[in-house]
Protein backbone atom coordinates (compact mmCIF):
# COMPACT_ATOMS: atom_id res chain seq x y z
CA MET A 1 37.64 217.00 216.35
CA SER A 2 38.64 218.52 213.01
CA LYS A 3 42.25 219.13 212.09
CA LYS A 4 43.59 221.74 209.67
CA LEU A 5 46.36 220.77 207.24
CA HIS A 6 48.76 223.00 205.33
CA VAL A 7 49.23 221.88 201.72
CA GLY A 8 52.24 223.43 200.00
CA ASN A 9 54.04 223.52 196.65
CA LEU A 10 50.74 223.44 194.77
CA PRO A 11 50.49 224.32 191.07
CA TYR A 12 48.98 227.74 190.40
CA SER A 13 46.15 226.05 188.50
CA VAL A 14 44.84 224.33 191.66
CA THR A 15 41.18 224.74 192.62
CA GLU A 16 39.28 224.03 195.81
CA ALA A 17 37.35 221.32 193.95
CA SER A 18 40.52 219.52 192.83
CA LEU A 19 41.92 219.53 196.38
CA ARG A 20 38.63 218.29 197.81
CA GLU A 21 38.72 215.47 195.24
CA LEU A 22 42.31 214.59 196.24
CA PHE A 23 41.62 214.46 200.01
CA SER A 24 38.04 213.10 200.14
CA PRO A 25 38.95 209.39 199.62
CA LEU A 26 40.81 209.55 202.97
CA GLY A 27 37.93 210.96 205.01
CA GLU A 28 35.41 213.76 205.27
CA VAL A 29 36.78 217.14 204.15
CA SER A 30 35.24 219.94 206.24
CA SER A 31 36.68 222.85 204.26
CA VAL A 32 39.23 223.81 201.62
CA ALA A 33 40.81 227.25 201.28
CA VAL A 34 43.19 228.00 198.42
CA ILE A 35 45.17 231.09 199.42
CA THR A 36 45.22 233.78 196.73
CA ASP A 37 47.14 237.00 196.15
CA ARG A 38 45.07 240.03 197.18
CA GLU A 39 46.02 242.11 194.16
CA THR A 40 45.95 239.57 191.33
CA GLY A 41 43.57 236.95 192.70
CA ARG A 42 45.95 234.18 191.55
CA PRO A 43 46.65 231.25 193.89
CA LYS A 44 49.87 231.59 195.90
CA GLY A 45 50.79 227.91 195.74
CA PHE A 46 49.45 226.75 199.09
CA ALA A 47 46.14 225.94 200.71
CA PHE A 48 44.52 224.76 203.92
CA VAL A 49 42.40 221.62 204.05
CA GLU A 50 40.37 220.84 207.15
CA MET A 51 39.67 217.16 207.76
CA ALA A 52 36.70 216.14 209.92
CA ASP A 53 38.74 213.98 212.31
CA ASP A 54 42.32 213.46 213.48
CA ALA A 55 42.61 209.94 212.05
CA ALA A 56 41.72 211.14 208.55
CA ALA A 57 44.19 214.03 208.88
CA LYS A 58 47.03 211.71 209.91
CA GLN A 59 46.19 209.35 207.06
CA ALA A 60 46.19 212.28 204.61
CA ILE A 61 49.62 213.42 205.82
CA SER A 62 51.11 209.94 205.51
CA GLN A 63 49.56 209.14 202.11
CA ILE A 64 49.65 212.48 200.27
CA ASN A 65 52.79 214.23 201.59
CA GLY A 66 55.55 213.92 198.98
CA LYS A 67 53.22 212.67 196.24
CA THR A 68 52.95 214.23 192.79
CA PHE A 69 49.81 216.27 192.15
CA GLU A 70 49.40 217.95 188.74
CA GLU A 71 53.13 217.47 188.05
CA ARG A 72 54.30 219.01 191.39
CA VAL A 73 55.53 217.20 194.49
CA ILE A 74 53.29 218.58 197.23
CA THR A 75 53.82 218.83 200.97
CA VAL A 76 51.15 218.11 203.56
CA ALA A 77 51.60 218.87 207.26
CA GLU A 78 49.55 219.86 210.26
CA ALA A 79 48.89 223.60 210.11
CA ARG A 80 50.44 225.78 212.78
CA PRO A 81 48.25 228.30 214.60
CA GLN A 82 48.09 231.68 212.87
CA ALA A 83 50.37 234.28 214.42
CA PRO A 84 48.67 237.45 215.62
CA ARG A 85 49.02 240.41 213.25
CA SER A 86 49.79 243.92 214.38
């Protein structure tokens, strides 16, 4: 079963391709979504990466969380379910 990860403190220059490249050595990456500002289209500094299985997700958390990526110390954690919007 796939697991979604929240990746925070990303540089604003991050791309989906660069995140896929960072996570792919640890397992199959199902999807990558860099969250952008609606008005400017610039990345907001966080993204969601979906790993194909739980083992790869746990390995990604343990190996990438707290590491430096493009001169920023990034955070990686299991994503929480999205809260309903009104």
